[in-house]
C-alpha atoms as a PDB file:
ATOM      1  CA  MET A   1      26.179  48.348  -4.860  1.00  0.00           C
ATOM      2  CA  THR A   2      27.271  45.619  -2.649  1.00  0.00           C
ATOM      3  CA  ALA A   3      24.842  43.249  -0.777  1.00  0.00           C
ATOM      4  CA  THR A   4      26.122  44.697   2.415  1.00  0.00           C
ATOM      5  CA  THR A   5      25.306  48.131   1.141  1.00  0.00           C
ATOM      6  CA  THR A   6      21.793  46.944   0.319  1.00  0.00           C
ATOM      7  CA  ALA A   7      21.314  45.321   3.636  1.00  0.00           C
ATOM      8  CA  ARG A   8      22.367  48.632   5.315  1.00  0.00           C
ATOM      9  CA  GLY A   9      20.084  50.788   3.249  1.00  0.00           C
ATOM     10  CA  ARG A  10      17.040  48.392   3.130  1.00  0.00           C
ATOM     11  CA  PRO A  11      16.030  46.856   6.380  1.00  0.00           C
ATOM     12  CA  TRP A  12      13.781  44.440   4.939  1.00  0.00           C
ATOM     13  CA  VAL A  13      16.514  42.846   3.000  1.00  0.00           C
ATOM     14  CA  PHE A  14      18.467  42.590   6.234  1.00  0.00           C
ATOM     15  CA  TRP A  15      15.491  40.772   7.946  1.00  0.00           C
ATOM     16  CA  SER A  16      14.535  38.777   4.923  1.00  0.00           C
ATOM     17  CA  PHE A  17      18.237  37.367   5.020  1.00  0.00           C
ATOM     18  CA  ILE A  18      17.980  36.623   8.518  1.00  0.00           C
ATOM     19  CA  VAL A  19      14.506  34.790   7.802  1.00  0.00           C
ATOM     20  CA  PHE A  20      16.002  32.776   5.010  1.00  0.00           C
ATOM     21  CA  MET A  21      18.918  31.602   7.010  1.00  0.00           C
ATOM     22  CA  ALA A  22      16.508  30.725  10.062  1.00  0.00           C
ATOM     23  CA  ALA A  23      14.346  28.576   7.303  1.00  0.00           C
ATOM     24  CA  LEU A  24      17.601  26.894   6.277  1.00  0.00           C
ATOM     25  CA  VAL A  25      18.494  26.066   9.850  1.00  0.00           C
ATOM     26  CA  ALA A  26      15.076  24.515  10.266  1.00  0.00           C
ATOM     27  CA  LEU A  27      15.217  22.568   6.750  1.00  0.00           C
ATOM     28  CA  PHE A  28      18.688  21.190   7.820  1.00  0.00           C
ATOM     29  CA  ILE A  29      17.380  20.164  11.366  1.00  0.00           C
ATOM     30  CA  TYR A  30      14.449  18.395   9.630  1.00  0.00           C
ATOM     31  CA  LEU A  31      16.372  16.607   6.853  1.00  0.00           C
ATOM     32  CA  GLY A  32      19.034  15.422   9.572  1.00  0.00           C
ATOM     33  CA  THR A  33      15.953  13.835  11.854  1.00  0.00           C
ATOM     34  CA  TRP A  34      14.504  12.447   8.933  1.00  0.00           C
ATOM     35  CA  GLN A  35      17.628  10.690   8.255  1.00  0.00           C
ATOM     36  CA  MET A  36      17.746   9.427  11.709  1.00  0.00           C
ATOM     37  CA  HIS A  37      14.323   8.269  11.440  1.00  0.00           C
ATOM     38  CA  ARG A  38      15.295   6.340   8.193  1.00  0.00           C
ATOM     39  CA  LEU A  39      18.444   5.059  10.233  1.00  0.00           C
ATOM     40  CA  GLY A  40      15.860   3.251  12.787  1.00  0.00           C
ATOM     41  CA  GLU A  41      14.064   1.799   9.637  1.00  0.00           C
ATOM     42  CA  LYS A  42      17.284   0.420   7.862  1.00  0.00           C
ATOM     43  CA  GLU A  43      18.415  -0.833  11.247  1.00  0.00           C
ATOM     44  CA  ALA A  44      15.065  -2.543  11.894  1.00  0.00           C
ATOM     45  CA  LEU A  45      15.014  -4.065   8.332  1.00  0.00           C
ATOM     46  CA  ILE A  46      18.412  -5.391   8.730  1.00  0.00           C
ATOM     47  CA  ALA A  47      17.683  -6.926  12.044  1.00  0.00           C
ATOM     48  CA  ALA A  48      14.739  -8.505  10.703  1.00  0.00           C
ATOM     49  CA  VAL A  49      16.400  -9.988   7.573  1.00  0.00           C
ATOM     50  CA  GLU A  50      19.054 -11.405   9.629  1.00  0.00           C
ATOM     51  CA  GLN A  51      16.710 -12.905  12.208  1.00  0.00           C
ATOM     52  CA  ARG A  52      13.897 -14.290   9.554  1.00  0.00           C
ATOM     53  CA  SER A  53      16.062 -15.595   7.017  1.00  0.00           C
ATOM     54  CA  HIS A  54      17.487 -18.028   9.138  1.00  0.00           C
ATOM     55  CA  LEU A  55      14.218 -19.705  10.238  1.00  0.00           C
ATOM     56  CA  ALA A  56      13.332 -23.040   9.149  1.00  0.00           C
ATOM     57  CA  PRO A  57      10.794 -22.894   6.015  1.00  0.00           C
ATOM     58  CA  GLU A  58       7.138 -22.923   7.073  1.00  0.00           C
ATOM     59  CA  PRO A  59       3.920 -23.355   4.991  1.00  0.00           C
ATOM     60  CA  LEU A  60       2.118 -20.092   4.550  1.00  0.00           C
ATOM     61  CA  PRO A  61      -1.338 -19.806   6.552  1.00  0.00           C
ATOM     62  CA  PRO A  62      -4.472 -21.262   4.938  1.00  0.00           C
ATOM     63  CA  VAL A  63      -6.283 -19.399   2.049  1.00  0.00           C
ATOM     64  CA  ALA A  64      -8.849 -18.425   4.727  1.00  0.00           C
ATOM     65  CA  GLU A  65      -6.481 -16.146   6.543  1.00  0.00           C
ATOM     66  CA  TRP A  66      -4.823 -14.571   3.584  1.00  0.00           C
ATOM     67  CA  SER A  67      -6.997 -11.362   3.746  1.00  0.00           C
ATOM     68  CA  SER A  68      -5.558 -10.809   7.169  1.00  0.00           C
ATOM     69  CA  ILE A  69      -1.928 -11.465   6.278  1.00  0.00           C
ATOM     70  CA  VAL A  70       0.384  -8.258   6.848  1.00  0.00           C
ATOM     71  CA  PRO A  71       3.133  -9.070   4.040  1.00  0.00           C
ATOM     72  CA  ALA A  72       5.930  -6.987   5.868  1.00  0.00           C
ATOM     73  CA  ASP A  73       5.639  -9.156   8.601  1.00  0.00           C
ATOM     74  CA  PHE A  74       6.473 -12.222   6.267  1.00  0.00           C
ATOM     75  CA  ASP A  75       9.259 -10.356   4.431  1.00  0.00           C
ATOM     76  CA  PHE A  76      12.347 -12.560   4.172  1.00  0.00           C
ATOM     77  CA  ARG A  77      10.835 -15.556   5.908  1.00  0.00           C
ATOM     78  CA  PRO A  78      11.623 -18.931   4.409  1.00  0.00           C
ATOM     79  CA  VAL A  79       8.438 -20.721   3.155  1.00  0.00           C
ATOM     80  CA  SER A  80       7.571 -24.220   1.760  1.00  0.00           C
ATOM     81  CA  LEU A  81       4.826 -24.659  -0.824  1.00  0.00           C
ATOM     82  CA  THR A  82       3.326 -27.823  -2.147  1.00  0.00           C
ATOM     83  CA  GLY A  83       1.228 -27.875  -5.259  1.00  0.00           C
ATOM     84  CA  HIS A  84       2.156 -27.542  -8.893  1.00  0.00           C
ATOM     85  CA  PHE A  85       3.279 -24.749 -11.393  1.00  0.00           C
ATOM     86  CA  VAL A  86       1.235 -23.216 -14.085  1.00  0.00           C
ATOM     87  CA  PRO A  87       3.698 -22.303 -16.856  1.00  0.00           C
ATOM     88  CA  ASP A  88       1.321 -21.249 -19.235  1.00  0.00           C
ATOM     89  CA  GLN A  89       0.470 -18.579 -16.932  1.00  0.00           C
ATOM     90  CA  THR A  90       4.051 -17.151 -16.628  1.00  0.00           C
ATOM     91  CA  ILE A  91       4.493 -13.596 -16.467  1.00  0.00           C
ATOM     92  CA  GLU A  92       7.871 -11.830 -16.963  1.00  0.00           C
ATOM     93  CA  VAL A  93       8.689  -8.857 -14.774  1.00  0.00           C
ATOM     94  CA  PHE A  94      11.326  -6.500 -16.168  1.00  0.00           C
ATOM     95  CA  THR A  95      14.439  -5.717 -14.229  1.00  0.00           C
ATOM     96  CA  SER A  96      18.000  -4.707 -14.597  1.00  0.00           C
ATOM     97  CA  LEU A  97      20.447  -6.443 -12.300  1.00  0.00           C
ATOM     98  CA  SER A  98      24.078  -5.434 -11.314  1.00  0.00           C
ATOM     99  CA  GLU A  99      26.304  -6.714  -8.724  1.00  0.00           C
ATOM    100  CA  THR A 100      24.685 -10.180  -9.138  1.00  0.00           C
ATOM    101  CA  LYS A 101      25.540 -13.375  -7.183  1.00  0.00           C
ATOM    102  CA  GLY A 102      25.001 -15.347 -10.569  1.00  0.00           C
ATOM    103  CA  MET A 103      27.099 -15.087 -13.827  1.00  0.00           C
ATOM    104  CA  TYR A 104      24.070 -13.235 -15.659  1.00  0.00           C
ATOM    105  CA  SER A 105      23.450  -9.477 -15.208  1.00  0.00           C
ATOM    106  CA  GLY A 106      22.157  -6.582 -16.962  1.00  0.00           C
ATOM    107  CA  PRO A 107      18.691  -5.787 -18.398  1.00  0.00           C
ATOM    108  CA  GLY A 108      16.329  -8.820 -18.294  1.00  0.00           C
ATOM    109  CA  TYR A 109      13.099 -10.339 -16.752  1.00  0.00           C
ATOM    110  CA  TRP A 110      12.033 -12.114 -13.408  1.00  0.00           C
ATOM    111  CA  VAL A 111      10.098 -15.286 -14.408  1.00  0.00           C
ATOM    112  CA  VAL A 112       7.349 -15.356 -12.271  1.00  0.00           C
ATOM    113  CA  VAL A 113       5.196 -18.616 -12.565  1.00  0.00           C
ATOM    114  CA  PRO A 114       1.987 -19.229 -10.684  1.00  0.00           C
ATOM    115  CA  PHE A 115       2.162 -22.089  -8.166  1.00  0.00           C
ATOM    116  CA  ALA A 116      -1.323 -23.570  -7.199  1.00  0.00           C
ATOM    117  CA  LEU A 117      -1.081 -24.905  -3.755  1.00  0.00           C
ATOM    118  CA  ASP A 118      -2.571 -28.481  -3.140  1.00  0.00           C
ATOM    119  CA  SER A 119      -4.388 -26.722  -0.143  1.00  0.00           C
ATOM    120  CA  GLY A 120      -6.075 -24.263  -2.525  1.00  0.00           C
ATOM    121  CA  GLY A 121      -4.995 -20.819  -3.737  1.00  0.00           C
ATOM    122  CA  THR A 122      -2.166 -19.727  -5.633  1.00  0.00           C
ATOM    123  CA  VAL A 123       1.362 -18.218  -5.006  1.00  0.00           C
ATOM    124  CA  LEU A 124       3.273 -16.188  -7.334  1.00  0.00           C
ATOM    125  CA  VAL A 125       6.740 -17.581  -7.418  1.00  0.00           C
ATOM    126  CA  ASN A 126       9.863 -15.701  -8.721  1.00  0.00           C
ATOM    127  CA  ARG A 127      11.960 -18.701 -10.598  1.00  0.00           C
ATOM    128  CA  GLY A 128      14.893 -16.134 -11.047  1.00  0.00           C
ATOM    129  CA  TYR A 129      16.339 -13.853 -13.576  1.00  0.00           C
ATOM    130  CA  VAL A 130      16.811 -14.211 -17.559  1.00  0.00           C
ATOM    131  CA  PRO A 131      18.848 -11.937 -19.601  1.00  0.00           C
ATOM    132  CA  GLU A 132      16.626  -9.928 -22.102  1.00  0.00           C
ATOM    133  CA  PRO A 133      17.775 -11.899 -25.277  1.00  0.00           C
ATOM    134  CA  ARG A 134      16.507 -15.101 -23.615  1.00  0.00           C
ATOM    135  CA  ARG A 135      13.169 -13.857 -22.517  1.00  0.00           C
ATOM    136  CA  ALA A 136      11.136 -15.716 -25.091  1.00  0.00           C
ATOM    137  CA  ASP A 137      12.687 -18.853 -24.146  1.00  0.00           C
ATOM    138  CA  PHE A 138      11.285 -18.658 -20.952  1.00  0.00           C
ATOM    139  CA  ALA A 139       7.816 -17.205 -21.587  1.00  0.00           C
ATOM    140  CA  ASN A 140       6.442 -21.158 -21.064  1.00  0.00           C
ATOM    141  CA  ASP A 141       9.692 -22.533 -19.944  1.00  0.00           C
ATOM    142  CA  PRO A 142       9.516 -26.219 -20.815  1.00  0.00           C
ATOM    143  CA  SER A 143      12.152 -26.565 -17.683  1.00  0.00           C
ATOM    144  CA  THR A 144       9.508 -25.521 -15.184  1.00  0.00           C
ATOM    145  CA  PRO A 145       9.114 -28.338 -12.742  1.00  0.00           C
ATOM    146  CA  ALA A 146       6.124 -30.662 -13.738  1.00  0.00           C
ATOM    147  CA  GLY A 147       3.351 -32.405 -11.576  1.00  0.00           C
ATOM    148  CA  THR A 148       3.366 -32.036  -7.634  1.00  0.00           C
ATOM    149  CA  VAL A 149       6.420 -30.634  -6.028  1.00  0.00           C
ATOM    150  CA  THR A 150       7.442 -29.138  -3.012  1.00  0.00           C
ATOM    151  CA  VAL A 151       9.395 -25.835  -3.196  1.00  0.00           C
ATOM    152  CA  THR A 152      11.110 -23.512  -0.702  1.00  0.00           C
ATOM    153  CA  GLY A 153      12.095 -20.158  -0.921  1.00  0.00           C
ATOM    154  CA  LEU A 154      11.755 -16.417   0.644  1.00  0.00           C
ATOM    155  CA  ALA A 155       8.524 -14.716   0.993  1.00  0.00           C
ATOM    156  CA  ARG A 156       8.698 -11.066  -0.111  1.00  0.00           C
ATOM    157  CA  GLN A 157       6.371  -8.280   0.181  1.00  0.00           C
ATOM    158  CA  PRO A 158       4.867  -6.484  -2.822  1.00  0.00           C
ATOM    159  CA  GLU A 159       6.956  -3.940  -4.649  1.00  0.00           C
ATOM    160  CA  GLU A 160       5.389  -0.508  -4.520  1.00  0.00           C
ATOM    161  CA  ILE A 161       3.405   0.766  -7.426  1.00  0.00           C
ATOM    162  CA  ASN A 162       3.630   4.665  -8.177  1.00  0.00           C
ATOM    163  CA  SER A 163       2.357   7.190 -10.805  1.00  0.00           C
ATOM    164  CA  PHE A 164       5.592   6.497 -12.766  1.00  0.00           C
ATOM    165  CA  THR A 165       5.033   2.620 -12.874  1.00  0.00           C
ATOM    166  CA  PRO A 166       3.986   1.629 -16.689  1.00  0.00           C
ATOM    167  CA  ALA A 167       1.141  -0.252 -17.341  1.00  0.00           C
ATOM    168  CA  ALA A 168       1.596  -4.027 -18.057  1.00  0.00           C
ATOM    169  CA  ASP A 169       1.693  -5.295 -21.423  1.00  0.00           C
ATOM    170  CA  ALA A 170      -1.008  -7.706 -21.198  1.00  0.00           C
ATOM    171  CA  ALA A 171      -0.373  -9.178 -24.809  1.00  0.00           C
ATOM    172  CA  LYS A 172       2.941 -10.005 -24.187  1.00  0.00           C
ATOM    173  CA  ARG A 173       2.550 -10.885 -20.554  1.00  0.00           C
ATOM    174  CA  ILE A 174       5.364  -8.292 -19.463  1.00  0.00           C
ATOM    175  CA  GLU A 175       4.919  -6.442 -15.973  1.00  0.00           C
ATOM    176  CA  TRP A 176       7.100  -4.011 -14.178  1.00  0.00           C
ATOM    177  CA  VAL A 177       6.847  -4.668 -10.648  1.00  0.00           C
ATOM    178  CA  ARG A 178       6.497  -7.920  -8.595  1.00  0.00           C
ATOM    179  CA  ASN A 179       3.380  -6.926  -6.941  1.00  0.00           C
ATOM    180  CA  PRO A 180       0.894  -9.951  -6.481  1.00  0.00           C
ATOM    181  CA  ALA A 181      -2.367  -7.834  -6.713  1.00  0.00           C
ATOM    182  CA  ARG A 182      -1.126  -6.411 -10.038  1.00  0.00           C
ATOM    183  CA  LEU A 183       0.136  -9.690 -11.524  1.00  0.00           C
ATOM    184  CA  ALA A 184      -3.105 -11.321 -10.523  1.00  0.00           C
ATOM    185  CA  GLU A 185      -4.930  -9.276 -13.262  1.00  0.00           C
ATOM    186  CA  LEU A 186      -2.979 -11.279 -15.864  1.00  0.00           C
ATOM    187  CA  LEU A 187      -3.749 -14.579 -14.564  1.00  0.00           C
ATOM    188  CA  ASP A 188      -6.795 -17.015 -15.264  1.00  0.00           C
ATOM    189  CA  PRO A 189      -9.473 -16.341 -12.885  1.00  0.00           C
ATOM    190  CA  ALA A 190      -9.631 -19.839 -11.972  1.00  0.00           C
ATOM    191  CA  LEU A 191      -6.414 -19.373 -10.172  1.00  0.00           C
ATOM    192  CA  ALA A 192      -7.803 -17.044  -7.687  1.00  0.00           C
ATOM    193  CA  PRO A 193      -7.307 -16.370  -4.669  1.00  0.00           C
ATOM    194  CA  VAL A 194      -3.783 -15.264  -5.015  1.00  0.00           C
ATOM    195  CA  ALA A 195      -1.560 -14.778  -1.952  1.00  0.00           C
ATOM    196  CA  PRO A 196      -0.740 -11.078  -1.177  1.00  0.00           C
ATOM    197  CA  LEU A 197       3.091 -11.941  -1.151  1.00  0.00           C
ATOM    198  CA  TYR A 198       5.441 -13.513  -3.796  1.00  0.00           C
ATOM    199  CA  VAL A 199       8.298 -15.832  -2.964  1.00  0.00           C
ATOM    200  CA  ASP A 200      11.582 -15.820  -4.408  1.00  0.00           C
ATOM    201  CA  LEU A 201      13.458 -19.138  -5.192  1.00  0.00           C
ATOM    202  CA  PRO A 202      17.101 -19.841  -4.170  1.00  0.00           C
ATOM    203  CA  ALA A 203      20.063 -20.211  -6.661  1.00  0.00           C
ATOM    204  CA  GLY A 204      20.136 -23.510  -8.728  1.00  0.00           C
ATOM    205  CA  GLU A 205      23.052 -25.105 -10.669  1.00  0.00           C
ATOM    206  CA  ALA A 206      25.798 -22.464 -11.629  1.00  0.00           C
ATOM    207  CA  GLY A 207      24.838 -20.801 -14.921  1.00  0.00           C
ATOM    208  CA  ALA A 208      21.500 -22.541 -15.044  1.00  0.00           C
ATOM    209  CA  LEU A 209      18.630 -20.241 -16.161  1.00  0.00           C
ATOM    210  CA  PRO A 210      16.352 -18.942 -14.658  1.00  0.00           C
ATOM    211  CA  GLN A 211      19.110 -17.654 -12.191  1.00  0.00           C
ATOM    212  CA  GLY A 212      17.507 -17.842  -8.742  1.00  0.00           C
ATOM    213  CA  GLY A 213      19.131 -16.688  -5.480  1.00  0.00           C
ATOM    214  CA  GLU A 214      19.174 -12.881  -6.327  1.00  0.00           C
ATOM    215  CA  THR A 215      17.187 -11.741  -3.350  1.00  0.00           C
ATOM    216  CA  VAL A 216      18.919  -8.600  -2.049  1.00  0.00           C
ATOM    217  CA  MET A 217      19.876  -9.251   1.393  1.00  0.00           C
ATOM    218  CA  ALA A 218      22.454  -6.509   2.261  1.00  0.00           C
ATOM    219  CA  PHE A 219      21.463  -3.015   2.337  1.00  0.00           C
ATOM    220  CA  PRO A 220      23.690   0.078   2.745  1.00  0.00           C
ATOM    221  CA  ASN A 221      23.371   2.035   5.791  1.00  0.00           C
ATOM    222  CA  ARG A 222      24.901   5.568   5.734  1.00  0.00           C
ATOM    223  CA  HIS A 223      21.782   7.469   7.199  1.00  0.00           C
ATOM    224  CA  PHE A 224      23.993   8.301  10.430  1.00  0.00           C
ATOM    225  CA  GLU A 225      26.455   9.807   8.125  1.00  0.00           C
ATOM    226  CA  TYR A 226      24.079  11.808   6.384  1.00  0.00           C
ATOM    227  CA  ALA A 227      22.143  13.024   9.622  1.00  0.00           C
ATOM    228  CA  MET A 228      25.326  14.257  11.030  1.00  0.00           C
ATOM    229  CA  THR A 229      26.113  16.075   7.760  1.00  0.00           C
ATOM    230  CA  TRP A 230      22.803  17.941   7.823  1.00  0.00           C
ATOM    231  CA  TYR A 231      23.000  18.606  11.572  1.00  0.00           C
ATOM    232  CA  ALA A 232      26.616  20.073  10.878  1.00  0.00           C
ATOM    233  CA  PHE A 233      24.867  22.396   8.330  1.00  0.00           C
ATOM    234  CA  ALA A 234      22.383  23.347  10.901  1.00  0.00           C
ATOM    235  CA  LEU A 235      25.035  24.338  13.255  1.00  0.00           C
ATOM    236  CA  ILE A 236      27.093  26.094  10.888  1.00  0.00           C
ATOM    237  CA  THR A 237      24.460  28.167   9.408  1.00  0.00           C
ATOM    238  CA  PRO A 238      23.651  30.220  12.414  1.00  0.00           C
ATOM    239  CA  ILE A 239      27.415  30.877  12.955  1.00  0.00           C
ATOM    240  CA  MET A 240      27.762  32.211   9.455  1.00  0.00           C
ATOM    241  CA  LEU A 241      24.541  34.340  10.069  1.00  0.00           C
ATOM    242  CA  GLY A 242      26.149  35.827  13.186  1.00  0.00           C
ATOM    243  CA  PHE A 243      29.291  36.869  11.326  1.00  0.00           C
ATOM    244  CA  TRP A 244      26.987  38.320   8.730  1.00  0.00           C
ATOM    245  CA  ILE A 245      25.033  40.150  11.249  1.00  0.00           C
ATOM    246  CA  LEU A 246      28.173  41.448  12.921  1.00  0.00           C
ATOM    247  CA  ARG A 247      29.597  42.840   9.817  1.00  0.00           C
ATOM    248  CA  GLN A 248      26.415  44.678   9.384  1.00  0.00           C
ATOM    249  CA  ARG A 249      26.443  46.464  12.512  1.00  0.00           C
ATOM    250  CA  ARG A 250      30.188  47.283  12.300  1.00  0.00           C
ATOM    251  CA  GLY A 251      29.440  48.815   8.996  1.00  0.00           C
ATOM    252  CA  GLN A 252      26.438  50.939  10.390  1.00  0.00           C
ATOM    253  CA  ALA A 253      28.580  51.814  13.233  1.00  0.00           C
ATOM    254  CA  GLY A 254      31.474  53.254  10.754  1.00  0.00           C
ATOM    255  CA  LYS A 255      28.993  55.315   8.737  1.00  0.00           C
END
């Protein structure tokens, strides 16, 4: 027995199929609208990166204002920090790089070192990437600049944590996300308070490790294409449904 025959003999099948197709149309419209929303977000991000990344470096607000900082407002903004690194509190954050700007790629770690500001408070500074086989060499990197220095880099908002994020390995000082609030749990309490954002350092000499300058500054933007695809499905589906209904009615008329 064909689906057409079933639909003729059972009205509930006929109407259930119509409801199902209508639900598909609603779903396709929702997905297309969601992609248009994502398009707006992506275009805003691209514009913000282009505008902020070319600003002159500025110091972070005073420690007293850190609680009111909105990290997203500082994302990709150049900042300057004056103080000293605390290399014995280094934390390594697992990552896997592809399409890198430097010569190293693959599984490895971000070398994140606390930077104690002369003005008070601590900023977590991502000195760059090291390949996995070299991780142990940078757990307390002797090449970390000593004494009072001024560094410049890009402020970054925290990476998100979700239910799939593994717990930190406190014994090995290994983390999985560049999230200052979580990284601060591995630091000496004397370094508090910790800024609610972190800083990516720029690239150093070619081939030098840690490999800085790996901040992602270009973002694929195909959301308009995806939205049009979903809207096309939303347009085609009722047309297909109309042909199917016409076929059912012709079948009924031919009985």
